[in-house]
N, C-alpha and C. Protein backbone atom coordinates (compact mmCIF):
# COMPACT_ATOMS: atom_id res chain seq x y z
N MET A 1 -20.74 -39.75 -2.69
CA MET A 1 -20.18 -40.30 -1.47
C MET A 1 -19.40 -41.55 -1.83
N ASP A 2 -18.17 -41.63 -1.39
CA ASP A 2 -17.33 -42.80 -1.62
C ASP A 2 -17.54 -43.79 -0.49
N ILE A 3 -18.34 -44.81 -0.75
CA ILE A 3 -18.65 -45.78 0.31
C ILE A 3 -17.53 -46.79 0.52
N SER A 4 -16.56 -46.84 -0.40
CA SER A 4 -15.49 -47.83 -0.28
C SER A 4 -14.62 -47.60 0.95
N VAL A 5 -14.61 -46.39 1.50
CA VAL A 5 -13.78 -46.10 2.67
C VAL A 5 -14.51 -46.38 3.99
N ILE A 6 -15.81 -46.64 3.92
CA ILE A 6 -16.59 -46.89 5.14
C ILE A 6 -16.33 -48.30 5.63
N LYS A 7 -16.04 -48.40 6.91
CA LYS A 7 -15.79 -49.68 7.56
C LYS A 7 -17.06 -50.08 8.32
N SER A 8 -18.02 -50.65 7.58
CA SER A 8 -19.32 -50.95 8.17
C SER A 8 -19.23 -51.95 9.30
N GLU A 9 -18.17 -52.73 9.36
CA GLU A 9 -18.00 -53.67 10.47
C GLU A 9 -17.79 -52.95 11.80
N ASN A 10 -17.47 -51.66 11.75
CA ASN A 10 -17.30 -50.86 12.96
C ASN A 10 -18.57 -50.12 13.37
N VAL A 11 -19.64 -50.34 12.65
CA VAL A 11 -20.94 -49.74 12.97
C VAL A 11 -21.73 -50.77 13.77
N THR A 12 -22.29 -50.33 14.88
CA THR A 12 -23.02 -51.24 15.76
C THR A 12 -24.50 -50.87 15.82
N THR A 13 -25.26 -51.75 16.41
CA THR A 13 -26.68 -51.50 16.61
C THR A 13 -26.93 -50.91 18.01
N THR A 14 -25.88 -50.62 18.74
CA THR A 14 -26.04 -49.99 20.05
C THR A 14 -25.98 -48.48 19.89
N GLY A 15 -26.57 -47.79 20.85
CA GLY A 15 -26.59 -46.34 20.77
C GLY A 15 -27.64 -45.87 19.78
N GLY A 16 -27.85 -44.60 19.73
CA GLY A 16 -28.85 -44.06 18.83
C GLY A 16 -30.26 -44.28 19.35
N ILE A 17 -31.20 -43.99 18.50
CA ILE A 17 -32.61 -44.09 18.83
C ILE A 17 -33.19 -45.26 18.02
N THR A 18 -33.70 -46.25 18.72
CA THR A 18 -34.22 -47.45 18.06
C THR A 18 -35.72 -47.32 17.86
N ILE A 19 -36.14 -47.56 16.63
CA ILE A 19 -37.55 -47.48 16.25
C ILE A 19 -37.92 -48.81 15.60
N GLY A 20 -38.92 -49.44 16.13
CA GLY A 20 -39.37 -50.71 15.57
C GLY A 20 -39.11 -51.88 16.50
N GLN A 21 -39.50 -53.05 16.03
CA GLN A 21 -39.37 -54.27 16.82
C GLN A 21 -37.91 -54.71 16.90
N PRO A 22 -37.44 -55.09 18.08
CA PRO A 22 -36.05 -55.52 18.23
C PRO A 22 -35.68 -56.71 17.35
N ASP A 23 -36.67 -57.56 17.03
CA ASP A 23 -36.38 -58.77 16.26
C ASP A 23 -36.75 -58.63 14.77
N ALA A 24 -36.92 -57.41 14.30
CA ALA A 24 -37.23 -57.21 12.88
C ALA A 24 -36.11 -57.81 12.03
N PRO A 25 -36.44 -58.39 10.89
CA PRO A 25 -35.42 -59.05 10.07
C PRO A 25 -34.42 -58.09 9.43
N LEU A 26 -34.79 -56.84 9.26
CA LEU A 26 -33.89 -55.84 8.66
C LEU A 26 -33.61 -54.73 9.65
N THR A 27 -32.40 -54.19 9.59
CA THR A 27 -32.02 -53.06 10.43
C THR A 27 -31.37 -51.99 9.56
N SER A 28 -31.84 -50.77 9.71
CA SER A 28 -31.16 -49.64 9.07
C SER A 28 -30.49 -48.82 10.17
N ILE A 29 -29.29 -48.37 9.88
CA ILE A 29 -28.57 -47.49 10.79
C ILE A 29 -28.33 -46.20 10.01
N GLU A 30 -28.88 -45.10 10.55
CA GLU A 30 -28.91 -43.83 9.82
C GLU A 30 -28.15 -42.76 10.59
N PHE A 31 -27.01 -42.36 10.06
CA PHE A 31 -26.24 -41.26 10.63
C PHE A 31 -26.75 -39.98 9.98
N ILE A 32 -27.36 -39.12 10.80
CA ILE A 32 -27.97 -37.90 10.27
C ILE A 32 -27.63 -36.70 11.15
N ASN A 33 -27.82 -35.51 10.60
CA ASN A 33 -27.70 -34.27 11.36
C ASN A 33 -28.94 -33.43 11.04
N ALA A 34 -29.61 -32.94 12.07
CA ALA A 34 -30.89 -32.25 11.89
C ALA A 34 -30.79 -30.97 11.05
N ALA A 35 -29.60 -30.40 10.92
CA ALA A 35 -29.45 -29.17 10.13
C ALA A 35 -28.97 -29.44 8.70
N CYS A 36 -28.72 -30.68 8.36
CA CYS A 36 -28.19 -31.02 7.04
C CYS A 36 -29.31 -31.05 6.00
N PRO A 37 -29.20 -30.26 4.93
CA PRO A 37 -30.25 -30.27 3.91
C PRO A 37 -30.35 -31.62 3.17
N TYR A 38 -29.24 -32.36 3.09
CA TYR A 38 -29.28 -33.67 2.45
C TYR A 38 -29.98 -34.69 3.36
N CYS A 39 -29.80 -34.54 4.67
CA CYS A 39 -30.52 -35.39 5.62
C CYS A 39 -32.01 -35.08 5.56
N ARG A 40 -32.32 -33.80 5.40
CA ARG A 40 -33.72 -33.39 5.24
C ARG A 40 -34.32 -34.10 4.03
N LYS A 41 -33.61 -34.05 2.92
CA LYS A 41 -34.08 -34.70 1.69
C LYS A 41 -34.31 -36.20 1.94
N TRP A 42 -33.34 -36.87 2.57
CA TRP A 42 -33.46 -38.30 2.88
C TRP A 42 -34.67 -38.57 3.77
N PHE A 43 -34.74 -37.86 4.86
CA PHE A 43 -35.77 -38.13 5.86
C PHE A 43 -37.17 -37.93 5.28
N LEU A 44 -37.39 -36.81 4.64
CA LEU A 44 -38.72 -36.52 4.12
C LEU A 44 -39.09 -37.42 2.94
N LYS A 45 -38.11 -37.72 2.10
CA LYS A 45 -38.36 -38.56 0.93
C LYS A 45 -38.65 -40.01 1.35
N SER A 46 -37.96 -40.50 2.37
CA SER A 46 -38.07 -41.91 2.75
C SER A 46 -39.06 -42.17 3.89
N GLU A 47 -39.57 -41.11 4.49
CA GLU A 47 -40.37 -41.24 5.71
C GLU A 47 -41.52 -42.24 5.56
N GLU A 48 -42.29 -42.14 4.52
CA GLU A 48 -43.45 -43.02 4.34
C GLU A 48 -42.99 -44.48 4.15
N THR A 49 -42.01 -44.68 3.31
CA THR A 49 -41.51 -46.02 3.02
C THR A 49 -40.92 -46.68 4.27
N MET A 50 -40.11 -45.92 5.00
CA MET A 50 -39.48 -46.46 6.21
C MET A 50 -40.53 -46.74 7.29
N THR A 51 -41.47 -45.83 7.47
CA THR A 51 -42.52 -46.01 8.48
C THR A 51 -43.36 -47.23 8.16
N GLU A 52 -43.68 -47.42 6.91
CA GLU A 52 -44.47 -48.58 6.50
C GLU A 52 -43.72 -49.88 6.81
N ALA A 53 -42.42 -49.92 6.54
CA ALA A 53 -41.62 -51.13 6.81
C ALA A 53 -41.52 -51.40 8.31
N VAL A 54 -41.41 -50.33 9.12
CA VAL A 54 -41.36 -50.49 10.57
C VAL A 54 -42.71 -51.04 11.07
N LYS A 55 -43.80 -50.44 10.61
CA LYS A 55 -45.13 -50.88 11.06
C LYS A 55 -45.43 -52.32 10.65
N ALA A 56 -44.89 -52.74 9.52
CA ALA A 56 -45.10 -54.11 9.05
C ALA A 56 -44.20 -55.10 9.79
N GLY A 57 -43.30 -54.60 10.64
CA GLY A 57 -42.41 -55.48 11.39
C GLY A 57 -41.20 -55.96 10.62
N ARG A 58 -40.96 -55.40 9.43
CA ARG A 58 -39.82 -55.81 8.61
C ARG A 58 -38.54 -55.06 8.95
N LEU A 59 -38.67 -53.88 9.56
CA LEU A 59 -37.51 -53.01 9.73
C LEU A 59 -37.41 -52.45 11.14
N LYS A 60 -36.20 -52.46 11.63
CA LYS A 60 -35.85 -51.74 12.86
C LYS A 60 -34.90 -50.63 12.40
N ARG A 61 -35.26 -49.39 12.74
CA ARG A 61 -34.42 -48.24 12.40
C ARG A 61 -33.61 -47.84 13.62
N ILE A 62 -32.37 -47.54 13.41
CA ILE A 62 -31.54 -46.96 14.46
C ILE A 62 -31.03 -45.63 13.92
N ILE A 63 -31.55 -44.57 14.48
CA ILE A 63 -31.17 -43.23 14.05
C ILE A 63 -30.05 -42.74 14.97
N LYS A 64 -28.95 -42.37 14.37
CA LYS A 64 -27.79 -41.91 15.12
C LYS A 64 -27.52 -40.44 14.79
N PRO A 65 -27.96 -39.53 15.67
CA PRO A 65 -27.71 -38.10 15.45
C PRO A 65 -26.20 -37.84 15.51
N PHE A 66 -25.66 -37.40 14.40
CA PHE A 66 -24.22 -37.29 14.22
C PHE A 66 -23.79 -35.83 14.29
N GLY A 67 -23.13 -35.46 15.37
CA GLY A 67 -22.61 -34.10 15.53
C GLY A 67 -21.42 -33.86 14.62
N LYS A 68 -21.48 -32.78 13.88
CA LYS A 68 -20.44 -32.44 12.91
C LYS A 68 -19.85 -31.08 13.25
N ASP A 69 -18.59 -30.88 12.88
CA ASP A 69 -17.90 -29.61 13.13
C ASP A 69 -18.28 -28.51 12.15
N LYS A 70 -18.84 -28.87 11.03
CA LYS A 70 -19.17 -27.92 9.97
C LYS A 70 -20.07 -26.80 10.53
N GLU A 71 -19.72 -25.58 10.23
CA GLU A 71 -20.41 -24.40 10.78
C GLU A 71 -21.92 -24.44 10.56
N ASP A 72 -22.34 -24.77 9.34
CA ASP A 72 -23.78 -24.72 9.07
C ASP A 72 -24.56 -25.92 9.63
N LEU A 73 -23.89 -26.81 10.36
CA LEU A 73 -24.57 -27.93 11.01
C LEU A 73 -24.62 -27.78 12.53
N GLN A 74 -24.14 -26.66 13.04
CA GLN A 74 -24.07 -26.47 14.49
C GLN A 74 -25.45 -26.46 15.16
N LEU A 75 -26.45 -25.88 14.51
CA LEU A 75 -27.78 -25.91 15.12
C LEU A 75 -28.35 -27.34 15.13
N GLY A 76 -27.93 -28.13 14.18
CA GLY A 76 -28.31 -29.55 14.20
C GLY A 76 -27.71 -30.24 15.41
N ASN A 77 -26.44 -29.96 15.68
CA ASN A 77 -25.80 -30.53 16.87
C ASN A 77 -26.57 -30.12 18.13
N LEU A 78 -26.97 -28.86 18.18
CA LEU A 78 -27.74 -28.37 19.32
C LEU A 78 -29.09 -29.08 19.39
N ALA A 79 -29.75 -29.25 18.27
CA ALA A 79 -31.04 -29.95 18.24
C ALA A 79 -30.91 -31.36 18.81
N HIS A 80 -29.81 -32.02 18.52
CA HIS A 80 -29.61 -33.40 18.99
C HIS A 80 -29.60 -33.48 20.51
N THR A 81 -29.19 -32.42 21.17
CA THR A 81 -29.12 -32.44 22.64
C THR A 81 -30.53 -32.41 23.26
N TYR A 82 -31.54 -32.15 22.45
CA TYR A 82 -32.93 -32.12 22.92
C TYR A 82 -33.66 -33.45 22.65
N LEU A 83 -33.03 -34.38 21.96
CA LEU A 83 -33.70 -35.62 21.58
C LEU A 83 -33.73 -36.61 22.74
N PRO A 84 -34.93 -37.02 23.16
CA PRO A 84 -35.04 -38.01 24.23
C PRO A 84 -34.84 -39.43 23.65
N PHE A 85 -33.63 -39.94 23.76
CA PHE A 85 -33.27 -41.22 23.14
C PHE A 85 -34.21 -42.35 23.55
N ASP A 86 -34.80 -42.27 24.73
CA ASP A 86 -35.66 -43.33 25.23
C ASP A 86 -37.12 -43.16 24.81
N GLN A 87 -37.41 -42.19 23.96
CA GLN A 87 -38.77 -41.94 23.49
C GLN A 87 -38.77 -41.81 21.96
N PRO A 88 -38.65 -42.95 21.27
CA PRO A 88 -38.47 -42.90 19.81
C PRO A 88 -39.59 -42.19 19.06
N GLU A 89 -40.82 -42.29 19.53
CA GLU A 89 -41.91 -41.62 18.81
C GLU A 89 -41.75 -40.10 18.87
N ILE A 90 -41.33 -39.60 20.02
CA ILE A 90 -41.10 -38.16 20.15
C ILE A 90 -39.92 -37.74 19.27
N VAL A 91 -38.89 -38.57 19.21
CA VAL A 91 -37.74 -38.27 18.34
C VAL A 91 -38.19 -38.19 16.89
N LEU A 92 -38.98 -39.16 16.43
CA LEU A 92 -39.46 -39.12 15.05
C LEU A 92 -40.29 -37.88 14.77
N GLN A 93 -41.19 -37.53 15.69
CA GLN A 93 -42.00 -36.33 15.53
C GLN A 93 -41.12 -35.08 15.50
N THR A 94 -40.12 -35.05 16.38
CA THR A 94 -39.22 -33.90 16.44
C THR A 94 -38.43 -33.76 15.15
N LEU A 95 -37.85 -34.87 14.69
CA LEU A 95 -37.07 -34.82 13.45
C LEU A 95 -37.95 -34.45 12.26
N SER A 96 -39.14 -35.00 12.22
CA SER A 96 -40.05 -34.66 11.14
C SER A 96 -40.36 -33.15 11.14
N PHE A 97 -40.63 -32.60 12.31
CA PHE A 97 -40.90 -31.17 12.42
C PHE A 97 -39.67 -30.35 12.00
N LEU A 98 -38.50 -30.72 12.55
CA LEU A 98 -37.28 -29.96 12.26
C LEU A 98 -36.93 -30.02 10.78
N PHE A 99 -37.05 -31.19 10.17
CA PHE A 99 -36.74 -31.29 8.74
C PHE A 99 -37.78 -30.55 7.90
N THR A 100 -39.04 -30.67 8.25
CA THR A 100 -40.09 -29.98 7.50
C THR A 100 -39.90 -28.47 7.54
N HIS A 101 -39.48 -27.96 8.70
CA HIS A 101 -39.34 -26.51 8.88
C HIS A 101 -37.87 -26.04 8.84
N GLN A 102 -36.99 -26.89 8.38
CA GLN A 102 -35.55 -26.57 8.41
C GLN A 102 -35.23 -25.24 7.75
N LYS A 103 -35.89 -24.90 6.68
CA LYS A 103 -35.59 -23.67 5.96
C LYS A 103 -35.94 -22.42 6.77
N THR A 104 -36.80 -22.57 7.79
CA THR A 104 -37.17 -21.41 8.60
C THR A 104 -36.21 -21.18 9.76
N TRP A 105 -35.42 -22.16 10.13
CA TRP A 105 -34.54 -21.98 11.29
C TRP A 105 -33.05 -22.17 10.98
N ARG A 106 -32.72 -22.95 10.00
CA ARG A 106 -31.33 -23.36 9.79
C ARG A 106 -30.36 -22.19 9.61
N ASN A 107 -30.73 -21.23 8.80
CA ASN A 107 -29.81 -20.13 8.50
C ASN A 107 -30.16 -18.83 9.19
N ASP A 108 -31.30 -18.79 9.87
CA ASP A 108 -31.79 -17.52 10.37
C ASP A 108 -31.73 -17.33 11.88
N LEU A 109 -31.50 -18.41 12.63
CA LEU A 109 -31.56 -18.29 14.08
C LEU A 109 -30.19 -18.44 14.73
N THR A 110 -30.00 -17.70 15.80
CA THR A 110 -28.81 -17.88 16.63
C THR A 110 -29.07 -19.10 17.53
N PRO A 111 -28.05 -19.64 18.17
CA PRO A 111 -28.29 -20.76 19.09
C PRO A 111 -29.32 -20.43 20.17
N ASP A 112 -29.27 -19.25 20.74
CA ASP A 112 -30.24 -18.88 21.77
C ASP A 112 -31.66 -18.79 21.19
N GLU A 113 -31.78 -18.22 20.00
CA GLU A 113 -33.09 -18.16 19.35
C GLU A 113 -33.60 -19.56 19.01
N PHE A 114 -32.69 -20.44 18.62
CA PHE A 114 -33.08 -21.81 18.28
C PHE A 114 -33.56 -22.57 19.52
N LYS A 115 -32.92 -22.34 20.64
CA LYS A 115 -33.38 -22.97 21.90
C LYS A 115 -34.82 -22.54 22.20
N LYS A 116 -35.12 -21.27 22.02
CA LYS A 116 -36.48 -20.77 22.23
C LYS A 116 -37.44 -21.37 21.21
N TYR A 117 -36.98 -21.51 19.98
CA TYR A 117 -37.78 -22.10 18.91
C TYR A 117 -38.17 -23.54 19.27
N ILE A 118 -37.22 -24.31 19.76
CA ILE A 118 -37.50 -25.70 20.16
C ILE A 118 -38.47 -25.72 21.34
N ASP A 119 -38.25 -24.85 22.29
CA ASP A 119 -39.14 -24.80 23.46
C ASP A 119 -40.57 -24.43 23.04
N GLN A 120 -40.70 -23.40 22.22
CA GLN A 120 -42.02 -22.92 21.82
C GLN A 120 -42.75 -23.90 20.91
N ASN A 121 -42.03 -24.50 19.97
CA ASN A 121 -42.68 -25.34 18.97
C ASN A 121 -42.75 -26.82 19.33
N LEU A 122 -41.80 -27.28 20.12
CA LEU A 122 -41.73 -28.72 20.42
C LEU A 122 -41.88 -29.04 21.90
N LYS A 123 -41.81 -28.01 22.73
CA LYS A 123 -41.93 -28.20 24.18
C LYS A 123 -40.90 -29.20 24.72
N LEU A 124 -39.70 -29.15 24.17
CA LEU A 124 -38.62 -30.04 24.62
C LEU A 124 -37.60 -29.26 25.43
N THR A 125 -36.93 -29.97 26.31
CA THR A 125 -35.83 -29.39 27.09
C THR A 125 -34.57 -30.20 26.81
N PRO A 126 -33.41 -29.64 27.11
CA PRO A 126 -32.18 -30.40 26.90
C PRO A 126 -32.21 -31.72 27.68
N GLN A 127 -31.70 -32.74 27.04
CA GLN A 127 -31.69 -34.10 27.60
C GLN A 127 -30.30 -34.46 28.10
N ASP A 128 -30.25 -35.48 28.92
CA ASP A 128 -28.98 -36.00 29.42
C ASP A 128 -28.48 -37.06 28.44
N ASN A 129 -28.12 -36.63 27.23
CA ASN A 129 -27.70 -37.58 26.21
C ASN A 129 -26.31 -37.29 25.64
N ALA A 130 -25.53 -36.49 26.33
CA ALA A 130 -24.19 -36.13 25.84
C ALA A 130 -23.31 -37.37 25.65
N GLU A 131 -23.42 -38.31 26.55
CA GLU A 131 -22.60 -39.53 26.44
C GLU A 131 -22.98 -40.31 25.17
N ASN A 132 -24.28 -40.42 24.90
CA ASN A 132 -24.74 -41.09 23.68
C ASN A 132 -24.25 -40.37 22.43
N LEU A 133 -24.36 -39.07 22.42
CA LEU A 133 -23.95 -38.29 21.25
C LEU A 133 -22.44 -38.40 21.02
N THR A 134 -21.67 -38.40 22.08
CA THR A 134 -20.22 -38.55 21.97
C THR A 134 -19.87 -39.94 21.43
N ALA A 135 -20.58 -40.96 21.90
CA ALA A 135 -20.34 -42.32 21.44
C ALA A 135 -20.65 -42.47 19.95
N ILE A 136 -21.69 -41.79 19.48
CA ILE A 136 -22.04 -41.85 18.06
C ILE A 136 -20.94 -41.22 17.21
N ILE A 137 -20.40 -40.11 17.65
CA ILE A 137 -19.30 -39.48 16.92
C ILE A 137 -18.09 -40.42 16.87
N ALA A 138 -17.76 -41.03 18.00
CA ALA A 138 -16.62 -41.95 18.06
C ALA A 138 -16.85 -43.15 17.13
N GLU A 139 -18.06 -43.67 17.13
CA GLU A 139 -18.39 -44.81 16.26
C GLU A 139 -18.26 -44.41 14.78
N ALA A 140 -18.79 -43.26 14.43
CA ALA A 140 -18.68 -42.79 13.04
C ALA A 140 -17.22 -42.62 12.64
N ASN A 141 -16.41 -42.11 13.54
CA ASN A 141 -14.98 -41.96 13.25
C ASN A 141 -14.31 -43.31 13.04
N ARG A 142 -14.62 -44.30 13.90
CA ARG A 142 -14.04 -45.64 13.74
C ARG A 142 -14.46 -46.27 12.42
N ALA A 143 -15.68 -45.97 11.99
CA ALA A 143 -16.20 -46.54 10.75
C ALA A 143 -15.84 -45.69 9.52
N ASN A 144 -15.15 -44.60 9.74
CA ASN A 144 -14.75 -43.67 8.68
C ASN A 144 -15.97 -43.09 7.94
N ILE A 145 -17.02 -42.82 8.71
CA ILE A 145 -18.20 -42.16 8.16
C ILE A 145 -17.97 -40.66 8.29
N LYS A 146 -17.95 -39.99 7.16
CA LYS A 146 -17.64 -38.56 7.14
C LYS A 146 -18.84 -37.70 6.76
N PHE A 147 -19.79 -38.29 6.05
CA PHE A 147 -20.87 -37.50 5.47
C PHE A 147 -22.22 -37.90 6.05
N VAL A 148 -23.10 -36.92 6.10
CA VAL A 148 -24.48 -37.19 6.48
C VAL A 148 -25.37 -36.81 5.30
N PRO A 149 -26.40 -37.58 5.05
CA PRO A 149 -26.70 -38.83 5.73
C PRO A 149 -25.87 -39.98 5.19
N THR A 150 -25.57 -40.91 6.05
CA THR A 150 -25.03 -42.20 5.66
C THR A 150 -25.98 -43.24 6.24
N ILE A 151 -26.50 -44.07 5.37
CA ILE A 151 -27.46 -45.09 5.78
C ILE A 151 -26.87 -46.45 5.45
N ILE A 152 -26.92 -47.34 6.45
CA ILE A 152 -26.46 -48.71 6.26
C ILE A 152 -27.67 -49.61 6.46
N LEU A 153 -27.99 -50.38 5.45
CA LEU A 153 -29.12 -51.30 5.48
C LEU A 153 -28.61 -52.64 4.98
N GLY A 154 -28.33 -53.54 5.92
CA GLY A 154 -27.71 -54.81 5.56
C GLY A 154 -26.34 -54.56 4.97
N ASP A 155 -26.10 -55.08 3.78
CA ASP A 155 -24.82 -54.89 3.10
C ASP A 155 -24.78 -53.63 2.25
N HIS A 156 -25.85 -52.87 2.27
CA HIS A 156 -25.96 -51.69 1.41
C HIS A 156 -25.66 -50.42 2.20
N ILE A 157 -24.85 -49.57 1.59
CA ILE A 157 -24.51 -48.27 2.17
C ILE A 157 -24.91 -47.23 1.13
N PHE A 158 -25.68 -46.22 1.56
CA PHE A 158 -26.13 -45.22 0.61
C PHE A 158 -26.38 -43.89 1.30
N ASP A 159 -26.73 -42.89 0.50
CA ASP A 159 -27.04 -41.56 1.02
C ASP A 159 -28.44 -41.17 0.54
N GLU A 160 -28.72 -39.90 0.57
CA GLU A 160 -30.06 -39.41 0.24
C GLU A 160 -30.46 -39.62 -1.21
N SER A 161 -29.51 -39.95 -2.06
CA SER A 161 -29.83 -40.04 -3.48
C SER A 161 -30.40 -41.39 -3.89
N ILE A 162 -30.60 -42.30 -2.94
CA ILE A 162 -31.18 -43.60 -3.31
C ILE A 162 -32.58 -43.41 -3.89
N ASP A 163 -32.85 -44.15 -4.92
CA ASP A 163 -34.16 -44.15 -5.55
C ASP A 163 -35.14 -44.89 -4.64
N MET A 164 -36.35 -44.37 -4.50
CA MET A 164 -37.32 -44.97 -3.58
C MET A 164 -37.75 -46.37 -4.03
N THR A 165 -37.71 -46.64 -5.33
CA THR A 165 -38.00 -47.99 -5.81
C THR A 165 -36.92 -48.95 -5.32
N ASP A 166 -35.66 -48.52 -5.40
CA ASP A 166 -34.55 -49.34 -4.90
C ASP A 166 -34.66 -49.55 -3.39
N LEU A 167 -35.01 -48.49 -2.66
CA LEU A 167 -35.17 -48.62 -1.21
C LEU A 167 -36.29 -49.60 -0.89
N SER A 168 -37.40 -49.50 -1.59
CA SER A 168 -38.51 -50.42 -1.35
C SER A 168 -38.09 -51.86 -1.59
N GLN A 169 -37.28 -52.08 -2.61
CA GLN A 169 -36.79 -53.45 -2.89
C GLN A 169 -35.90 -53.95 -1.75
N LEU A 170 -35.07 -53.09 -1.22
CA LEU A 170 -34.18 -53.48 -0.10
C LEU A 170 -34.97 -53.80 1.16
N LEU A 171 -36.14 -53.20 1.30
CA LEU A 171 -36.94 -53.37 2.51
C LEU A 171 -37.91 -54.56 2.43
N LYS A 172 -37.89 -55.30 1.34
CA LYS A 172 -38.79 -56.47 1.20
C LYS A 172 -38.21 -57.69 1.85
């Protein structure tokens, strides 16, 4: 990922799903798509480290579900419409479930089958979050963010390939 083209000054802390204390000294902004295998790798690999930093009050996470045009990310876009932005714990549980089970639904389900899958497994219904999702896409475009995951933590911009030791150091 070429981070030199990203205009991080155009990324805001508004919108998305906020997890953690509003006054935490560190903020991560994570542009992800629920159907992206690289986002899956990031989320599952970093989950313990990020959760620990949030619980310790050091980190506020802002997860920005990023709708992409790419064909194999369309079910991710659909999944985002089920995320209750005002219930961060449910969003984290939902993303954890979707990423953990991504291989069972990503390539095998039609949109209608996926809607049933979400209903049966997560008991979620579509949310009134289209305006939020549209704003996240516009923000990513202004910031020239093209790839998921893109994570901004202070002055650092990275993707799923960050080493967990390096991430832990950034979160201190």
